[in-house]
Amino acid sequence: MRKFRRRDLELETAITPLSIGGESLGPGESQKTIKGKTKNVSAGGAMVEVAYDIGKSSYMLIQLHIDKDDFPGLLLGQMIWTLSDDEKGGTTKSGVKFLTEEELAALKEEDESIDLPPEIIGFDEKRREALDELLGDILGSSDE
């Protein structure tokens, strides 16, 4: 059983890789933004569909475009799994985990070259529960 409700939700996204397949993108390296869309979203992460495989274990900033003032639109995530779909023009579905405060602190300590916007915060239990409730309000209360 999932800890947080997963909701089918297609949102336009903009993903900015901070690392590719575990290789850090330091200052001065191209951090190209990749357009995509979510297939589903939860307080723990999202499944996104993008034009190409960013790479398992990669870190990224993910901008979720949702019309809600209290929704944290810019999140830090890590690619957990990827699945290429050559029949759909080479798109890749990827599982993105939203990072906790502890994971964010460890990432900053491990790789000082990663330059994050100041508004990026990791999730704590209270923030995840608030996001879970917000998603429920937006999309109704049915669980998957």
N, C-alpha and C. Protein backbone atom coordinates (compact mmCIF):
# COMPACT_ATOMS: atom_id res chain seq x y z
N MET A 1 0.83 -1.18 0.00
CA MET A 1 0.00 0.00 0.00
C MET A 1 0.88 1.25 0.00
N ARG A 2 0.49 2.23 -0.79
CA ARG A 2 1.25 3.47 -0.89
C ARG A 2 0.98 4.35 0.32
N LYS A 3 2.00 5.09 0.71
CA LYS A 3 1.87 6.01 1.84
C LYS A 3 1.05 7.25 1.43
N PHE A 4 1.23 7.68 0.16
CA PHE A 4 0.52 8.86 -0.34
C PHE A 4 -0.29 8.49 -1.57
N ARG A 5 -1.40 9.17 -1.75
CA ARG A 5 -2.26 8.91 -2.90
C ARG A 5 -1.55 9.30 -4.20
N ARG A 6 -1.62 8.42 -5.17
CA ARG A 6 -1.09 8.71 -6.50
C ARG A 6 -2.27 9.07 -7.37
N ARG A 7 -2.17 10.22 -8.04
CA ARG A 7 -3.28 10.71 -8.83
C ARG A 7 -2.88 10.80 -10.30
N ASP A 8 -3.75 10.27 -11.17
CA ASP A 8 -3.54 10.46 -12.60
C ASP A 8 -3.70 11.95 -12.87
N LEU A 9 -2.64 12.56 -13.36
CA LEU A 9 -2.66 13.99 -13.57
C LEU A 9 -1.62 14.35 -14.62
N GLU A 10 -2.08 14.89 -15.75
CA GLU A 10 -1.15 15.34 -16.79
C GLU A 10 -0.90 16.82 -16.59
N LEU A 11 0.35 17.14 -16.26
CA LEU A 11 0.79 18.52 -16.09
C LEU A 11 1.98 18.76 -16.99
N GLU A 12 2.05 19.92 -17.60
CA GLU A 12 3.26 20.29 -18.32
C GLU A 12 4.39 20.43 -17.30
N THR A 13 5.57 19.95 -17.66
CA THR A 13 6.72 20.04 -16.77
C THR A 13 7.91 20.60 -17.52
N ALA A 14 8.83 21.15 -16.75
CA ALA A 14 10.13 21.56 -17.26
C ALA A 14 11.15 20.94 -16.32
N ILE A 15 12.01 20.10 -16.85
CA ILE A 15 13.00 19.39 -16.04
C ILE A 15 14.38 19.93 -16.37
N THR A 16 15.12 20.31 -15.34
CA THR A 16 16.50 20.77 -15.52
C THR A 16 17.42 19.78 -14.82
N PRO A 17 18.15 18.95 -15.58
CA PRO A 17 19.06 17.99 -14.95
C PRO A 17 20.18 18.69 -14.18
N LEU A 18 20.48 18.18 -12.99
CA LEU A 18 21.61 18.64 -12.20
C LEU A 18 22.74 17.63 -12.28
N SER A 19 22.38 16.41 -12.67
CA SER A 19 23.36 15.36 -12.92
C SER A 19 22.74 14.44 -13.95
N ILE A 20 23.59 13.72 -14.66
CA ILE A 20 23.11 12.76 -15.66
C ILE A 20 23.71 11.41 -15.31
N GLY A 21 22.86 10.44 -15.00
CA GLY A 21 23.35 9.10 -14.67
C GLY A 21 24.38 9.07 -13.58
N GLY A 22 24.24 9.98 -12.60
CA GLY A 22 25.17 10.01 -11.49
C GLY A 22 26.35 10.94 -11.71
N GLU A 23 26.56 11.42 -12.94
CA GLU A 23 27.65 12.35 -13.23
C GLU A 23 27.16 13.77 -12.99
N SER A 24 27.82 14.51 -12.10
CA SER A 24 27.39 15.85 -11.74
C SER A 24 27.59 16.84 -12.88
N LEU A 25 26.65 17.74 -13.03
CA LEU A 25 26.80 18.88 -13.94
C LEU A 25 27.20 20.06 -13.09
N GLY A 26 28.45 20.43 -13.13
CA GLY A 26 28.96 21.51 -12.30
C GLY A 26 28.69 22.87 -12.91
N PRO A 27 29.13 23.93 -12.23
CA PRO A 27 28.93 25.29 -12.75
C PRO A 27 29.55 25.43 -14.14
N GLY A 28 28.87 26.15 -15.00
CA GLY A 28 29.37 26.38 -16.35
C GLY A 28 28.98 25.31 -17.34
N GLU A 29 28.52 24.15 -16.88
CA GLU A 29 28.09 23.11 -17.79
C GLU A 29 26.65 23.37 -18.21
N SER A 30 26.32 22.95 -19.42
CA SER A 30 24.98 23.18 -19.94
C SER A 30 23.95 22.44 -19.10
N GLN A 31 22.98 23.17 -18.60
CA GLN A 31 21.88 22.57 -17.86
C GLN A 31 20.60 22.83 -18.65
N LYS A 32 20.46 22.09 -19.72
CA LYS A 32 19.34 22.25 -20.65
C LYS A 32 18.02 21.85 -19.99
N THR A 33 17.01 22.66 -20.19
CA THR A 33 15.68 22.33 -19.68
C THR A 33 14.96 21.46 -20.69
N ILE A 34 14.35 20.39 -20.18
CA ILE A 34 13.66 19.41 -21.01
C ILE A 34 12.17 19.52 -20.72
N LYS A 35 11.38 19.68 -21.75
CA LYS A 35 9.92 19.74 -21.59
C LYS A 35 9.37 18.32 -21.51
N GLY A 36 8.35 18.15 -20.71
CA GLY A 36 7.70 16.85 -20.59
C GLY A 36 6.32 17.02 -19.99
N LYS A 37 5.76 15.91 -19.53
CA LYS A 37 4.46 15.97 -18.85
C LYS A 37 4.38 14.84 -17.84
N THR A 38 3.65 15.11 -16.78
CA THR A 38 3.44 14.07 -15.78
C THR A 38 2.35 13.13 -16.27
N LYS A 39 2.40 11.91 -15.83
CA LYS A 39 1.33 10.94 -16.04
C LYS A 39 0.56 10.74 -14.74
N ASN A 40 1.27 10.81 -13.63
CA ASN A 40 0.64 10.79 -12.32
C ASN A 40 1.55 11.49 -11.32
N VAL A 41 0.96 11.94 -10.22
CA VAL A 41 1.69 12.71 -9.21
C VAL A 41 1.23 12.26 -7.83
N SER A 42 2.17 12.21 -6.89
CA SER A 42 1.83 11.99 -5.48
C SER A 42 2.71 12.91 -4.66
N ALA A 43 2.53 12.91 -3.35
CA ALA A 43 3.37 13.72 -2.48
C ALA A 43 4.78 13.15 -2.39
N GLY A 44 4.98 11.92 -2.84
CA GLY A 44 6.31 11.31 -2.81
C GLY A 44 7.06 11.41 -4.12
N GLY A 45 6.36 11.70 -5.22
CA GLY A 45 7.04 11.77 -6.50
C GLY A 45 6.05 11.82 -7.65
N ALA A 46 6.57 11.57 -8.85
CA ALA A 46 5.73 11.65 -10.05
C ALA A 46 6.27 10.71 -11.11
N MET A 47 5.39 10.30 -12.03
CA MET A 47 5.84 9.63 -13.24
C MET A 47 5.77 10.69 -14.33
N VAL A 48 6.91 10.90 -14.99
CA VAL A 48 6.98 11.90 -16.05
C VAL A 48 7.33 11.24 -17.36
N GLU A 49 6.88 11.85 -18.45
CA GLU A 49 7.19 11.38 -19.79
C GLU A 49 7.98 12.49 -20.47
N VAL A 50 9.19 12.14 -20.93
CA VAL A 50 10.07 13.10 -21.58
C VAL A 50 10.58 12.52 -22.89
N ALA A 51 11.21 13.37 -23.69
CA ALA A 51 11.65 12.97 -25.03
C ALA A 51 12.80 11.97 -25.02
N TYR A 52 13.61 11.96 -23.97
CA TYR A 52 14.72 11.00 -23.92
C TYR A 52 15.07 10.66 -22.49
N ASP A 53 15.84 9.61 -22.34
CA ASP A 53 16.22 9.07 -21.04
C ASP A 53 17.26 9.97 -20.37
N ILE A 54 16.92 10.53 -19.24
CA ILE A 54 17.85 11.38 -18.49
C ILE A 54 18.85 10.51 -17.74
N GLY A 55 18.43 9.34 -17.34
CA GLY A 55 19.34 8.42 -16.65
C GLY A 55 18.94 8.16 -15.22
N LYS A 56 18.91 6.89 -14.87
CA LYS A 56 18.60 6.48 -13.50
C LYS A 56 19.60 7.10 -12.54
N SER A 57 19.14 7.48 -11.38
CA SER A 57 19.92 8.11 -10.31
C SER A 57 20.24 9.56 -10.56
N SER A 58 19.81 10.12 -11.68
CA SER A 58 20.07 11.53 -11.97
C SER A 58 19.24 12.42 -11.05
N TYR A 59 19.80 13.56 -10.71
CA TYR A 59 19.07 14.57 -9.93
C TYR A 59 18.57 15.65 -10.86
N MET A 60 17.45 16.27 -10.51
CA MET A 60 16.90 17.30 -11.38
C MET A 60 16.01 18.25 -10.60
N LEU A 61 15.86 19.45 -11.15
CA LEU A 61 14.81 20.36 -10.72
C LEU A 61 13.63 20.08 -11.62
N ILE A 62 12.46 19.94 -11.05
CA ILE A 62 11.27 19.69 -11.85
C ILE A 62 10.23 20.76 -11.53
N GLN A 63 9.82 21.45 -12.57
CA GLN A 63 8.80 22.49 -12.46
C GLN A 63 7.47 21.89 -12.89
N LEU A 64 6.53 21.84 -11.96
CA LEU A 64 5.18 21.35 -12.27
C LEU A 64 4.28 22.56 -12.46
N HIS A 65 3.66 22.65 -13.60
CA HIS A 65 2.81 23.79 -13.91
C HIS A 65 1.38 23.49 -13.48
N ILE A 66 1.02 24.02 -12.32
CA ILE A 66 -0.33 23.82 -11.78
C ILE A 66 -0.84 25.16 -11.27
N ASP A 67 -2.09 25.44 -11.51
CA ASP A 67 -2.66 26.73 -11.17
C ASP A 67 -3.20 26.72 -9.74
N LYS A 68 -2.28 26.66 -8.80
CA LYS A 68 -2.64 26.70 -7.38
C LYS A 68 -1.56 27.49 -6.66
N ASP A 69 -1.93 28.53 -5.92
CA ASP A 69 -0.95 29.38 -5.26
C ASP A 69 -0.11 28.64 -4.22
N ASP A 70 -0.72 27.68 -3.52
CA ASP A 70 0.00 27.00 -2.45
C ASP A 70 0.68 25.71 -2.88
N PHE A 71 0.78 25.47 -4.19
CA PHE A 71 1.45 24.26 -4.68
C PHE A 71 2.93 24.57 -4.90
N PRO A 72 3.83 23.76 -4.33
CA PRO A 72 5.27 24.01 -4.51
C PRO A 72 5.71 23.61 -5.91
N GLY A 73 5.62 24.53 -6.86
CA GLY A 73 5.84 24.21 -8.26
C GLY A 73 7.23 23.75 -8.63
N LEU A 74 8.28 24.22 -7.96
CA LEU A 74 9.65 23.85 -8.28
C LEU A 74 10.16 22.90 -7.20
N LEU A 75 10.47 21.67 -7.62
CA LEU A 75 10.85 20.63 -6.67
C LEU A 75 12.19 20.00 -7.08
N LEU A 76 12.88 19.44 -6.11
CA LEU A 76 14.11 18.71 -6.37
C LEU A 76 13.77 17.23 -6.36
N GLY A 77 14.19 16.53 -7.41
CA GLY A 77 13.86 15.12 -7.52
C GLY A 77 15.05 14.27 -7.95
N GLN A 78 14.89 12.98 -7.80
CA GLN A 78 15.87 12.01 -8.27
C GLN A 78 15.15 10.96 -9.11
N MET A 79 15.72 10.67 -10.28
CA MET A 79 15.17 9.65 -11.16
C MET A 79 15.41 8.28 -10.51
N ILE A 80 14.34 7.53 -10.32
CA ILE A 80 14.42 6.22 -9.67
C ILE A 80 14.38 5.09 -10.69
N TRP A 81 13.55 5.25 -11.73
CA TRP A 81 13.46 4.23 -12.78
C TRP A 81 13.12 4.90 -14.09
N THR A 82 13.46 4.23 -15.18
CA THR A 82 13.12 4.73 -16.51
C THR A 82 12.66 3.56 -17.38
N LEU A 83 11.77 3.87 -18.33
CA LEU A 83 11.28 2.87 -19.26
C LEU A 83 11.10 3.54 -20.61
N SER A 84 11.94 3.15 -21.58
CA SER A 84 11.85 3.74 -22.93
C SER A 84 10.70 3.11 -23.69
N ASP A 85 10.04 3.93 -24.52
CA ASP A 85 8.93 3.47 -25.34
C ASP A 85 9.22 3.86 -26.79
N ASP A 86 9.95 3.01 -27.50
CA ASP A 86 10.33 3.29 -28.87
C ASP A 86 9.13 3.42 -29.80
N GLU A 87 8.02 2.77 -29.44
CA GLU A 87 6.82 2.85 -30.28
C GLU A 87 6.15 4.22 -30.21
N LYS A 88 6.47 4.99 -29.17
CA LYS A 88 5.89 6.33 -29.03
C LYS A 88 6.94 7.40 -29.36
N GLY A 89 7.70 7.17 -30.40
CA GLY A 89 8.67 8.17 -30.84
C GLY A 89 9.86 8.32 -29.93
N GLY A 90 10.19 7.28 -29.18
CA GLY A 90 11.37 7.33 -28.33
C GLY A 90 11.17 8.04 -27.00
N THR A 91 9.92 8.25 -26.59
CA THR A 91 9.69 8.88 -25.29
C THR A 91 10.11 7.94 -24.17
N THR A 92 10.38 8.52 -23.03
CA THR A 92 10.77 7.75 -21.85
C THR A 92 9.86 8.11 -20.70
N LYS A 93 9.29 7.11 -20.06
CA LYS A 93 8.55 7.31 -18.82
C LYS A 93 9.55 7.08 -17.70
N SER A 94 9.52 7.99 -16.71
CA SER A 94 10.49 7.93 -15.63
C SER A 94 9.82 8.18 -14.30
N GLY A 95 10.25 7.45 -13.29
CA GLY A 95 9.77 7.66 -11.93
C GLY A 95 10.70 8.62 -11.21
N VAL A 96 10.14 9.72 -10.72
CA VAL A 96 10.91 10.75 -10.03
C VAL A 96 10.48 10.78 -8.57
N LYS A 97 11.46 10.69 -7.68
CA LYS A 97 11.20 10.78 -6.24
C LYS A 97 11.51 12.20 -5.80
N PHE A 98 10.58 12.85 -5.08
CA PHE A 98 10.83 14.16 -4.51
C PHE A 98 11.69 13.97 -3.27
N LEU A 99 12.77 14.73 -3.14
CA LEU A 99 13.73 14.52 -2.06
C LEU A 99 13.25 15.09 -0.73
N THR A 100 13.62 14.40 0.34
CA THR A 100 13.34 14.85 1.71
C THR A 100 14.40 15.86 2.13
N GLU A 101 14.18 16.53 3.26
CA GLU A 101 15.16 17.47 3.80
C GLU A 101 16.51 16.78 4.03
N GLU A 102 16.47 15.57 4.57
CA GLU A 102 17.70 14.84 4.86
C GLU A 102 18.45 14.49 3.58
N GLU A 103 17.73 14.07 2.55
CA GLU A 103 18.36 13.72 1.28
C GLU A 103 18.95 14.96 0.61
N LEU A 104 18.26 16.09 0.72
CA LEU A 104 18.76 17.34 0.16
C LEU A 104 20.06 17.76 0.86
N ALA A 105 20.08 17.68 2.19
CA ALA A 105 21.28 18.04 2.95
C ALA A 105 22.46 17.13 2.57
N ALA A 106 22.19 15.84 2.43
CA ALA A 106 23.26 14.90 2.06
C ALA A 106 23.77 15.19 0.65
N LEU A 107 22.88 15.53 -0.27
CA LEU A 107 23.27 15.85 -1.64
C LEU A 107 24.17 17.08 -1.66
N LYS A 108 23.79 18.13 -0.93
CA LYS A 108 24.59 19.35 -0.88
C LYS A 108 25.97 19.08 -0.28
N GLU A 109 26.01 18.22 0.74
CA GLU A 109 27.29 17.88 1.37
C GLU A 109 28.17 17.06 0.44
N GLU A 110 27.56 16.15 -0.29
CA GLU A 110 28.29 15.26 -1.19
C GLU A 110 28.82 15.98 -2.43
N ASP A 111 28.05 16.92 -2.96
CA ASP A 111 28.42 17.58 -4.21
C ASP A 111 28.20 19.08 -4.09
N GLU A 112 29.23 19.79 -3.69
CA GLU A 112 29.13 21.23 -3.48
C GLU A 112 28.99 22.00 -4.79
N SER A 113 29.25 21.36 -5.94
CA SER A 113 29.14 22.06 -7.22
C SER A 113 27.69 22.25 -7.66
N ILE A 114 26.75 21.52 -7.04
CA ILE A 114 25.34 21.67 -7.40
C ILE A 114 24.83 22.98 -6.82
N ASP A 115 24.41 23.86 -7.71
CA ASP A 115 23.94 25.19 -7.35
C ASP A 115 22.41 25.20 -7.41
N LEU A 116 21.77 25.19 -6.25
CA LEU A 116 20.31 25.13 -6.20
C LEU A 116 19.71 26.51 -5.91
N PRO A 117 18.56 26.79 -6.51
CA PRO A 117 17.87 28.04 -6.18
C PRO A 117 17.53 28.06 -4.68
N PRO A 118 17.54 29.23 -4.05
CA PRO A 118 17.31 29.30 -2.60
C PRO A 118 15.92 28.82 -2.17
N GLU A 119 14.94 28.86 -3.08
CA GLU A 119 13.59 28.43 -2.68
C GLU A 119 13.42 26.92 -2.64
N ILE A 120 14.45 26.17 -3.04
CA ILE A 120 14.37 24.71 -3.02
C ILE A 120 14.51 24.22 -1.58
N ILE A 121 13.52 23.47 -1.14
CA ILE A 121 13.55 22.86 0.18
C ILE A 121 13.19 21.40 0.01
N GLY A 122 13.71 20.58 0.89
CA GLY A 122 13.31 19.17 0.87
C GLY A 122 11.99 19.01 1.60
N PHE A 123 11.36 17.88 1.35
CA PHE A 123 10.09 17.59 2.01
C PHE A 123 10.33 17.01 3.39
N ASP A 124 9.53 17.45 4.35
CA ASP A 124 9.43 16.76 5.62
C ASP A 124 8.04 16.13 5.64
N GLU A 125 7.74 15.40 6.67
CA GLU A 125 6.45 14.69 6.74
C GLU A 125 5.27 15.65 6.65
N LYS A 126 5.37 16.80 7.31
CA LYS A 126 4.28 17.78 7.31
C LYS A 126 4.04 18.32 5.89
N ARG A 127 5.11 18.64 5.16
CA ARG A 127 4.96 19.15 3.79
C ARG A 127 4.38 18.08 2.86
N ARG A 128 4.80 16.83 3.02
CA ARG A 128 4.26 15.76 2.18
C ARG A 128 2.77 15.56 2.44
N GLU A 129 2.39 15.59 3.71
CA GLU A 129 0.98 15.44 4.04
C GLU A 129 0.16 16.60 3.48
N ALA A 130 0.71 17.82 3.53
CA ALA A 130 0.01 18.98 2.98
C ALA A 130 -0.14 18.86 1.47
N LEU A 131 0.91 18.38 0.79
CA LEU A 131 0.83 18.20 -0.66
C LEU A 131 -0.16 17.09 -1.00
N ASP A 132 -0.16 16.01 -0.23
CA ASP A 132 -1.11 14.93 -0.45
C ASP A 132 -2.55 15.44 -0.32
N GLU A 133 -2.79 16.25 0.69
CA GLU A 133 -4.13 16.82 0.90
C GLU A 133 -4.49 17.77 -0.25
N LEU A 134 -3.53 18.58 -0.69
CA LEU A 134 -3.78 19.51 -1.78
C LEU A 134 -4.12 18.76 -3.07
N LEU A 135 -3.39 17.70 -3.37
CA LEU A 135 -3.70 16.90 -4.55
C LEU A 135 -5.10 16.30 -4.45
N GLY A 136 -5.47 15.85 -3.25
CA GLY A 136 -6.81 15.33 -3.03
C GLY A 136 -7.87 16.39 -3.27
N ASP A 137 -7.61 17.62 -2.81
CA ASP A 137 -8.56 18.72 -3.02
C ASP A 137 -8.70 19.04 -4.49
N ILE A 138 -7.59 19.03 -5.22
CA ILE A 138 -7.60 19.39 -6.63
C ILE A 138 -8.34 18.33 -7.45
N LEU A 139 -8.05 17.07 -7.14
CA LEU A 139 -8.51 15.99 -8.02
C LEU A 139 -9.63 15.12 -7.46
N GLY A 140 -10.11 15.41 -6.28
CA GLY A 140 -11.14 14.56 -5.69
C GLY A 140 -10.48 13.56 -4.74
N SER A 141 -11.28 12.77 -4.09
CA SER A 141 -10.74 11.94 -3.02
C SER A 141 -10.52 10.47 -3.36
N SER A 142 -10.70 10.06 -4.63
CA SER A 142 -10.50 8.64 -4.94
C SER A 142 -9.04 8.27 -4.94
N ASP A 143 -8.70 7.16 -4.31
CA ASP A 143 -7.32 6.67 -4.25
C ASP A 143 -7.06 5.69 -5.36
N GLU A 144 -5.75 5.54 -5.70
CA GLU A 144 -5.32 4.48 -6.63
C GLU A 144 -4.54 3.47 -5.85
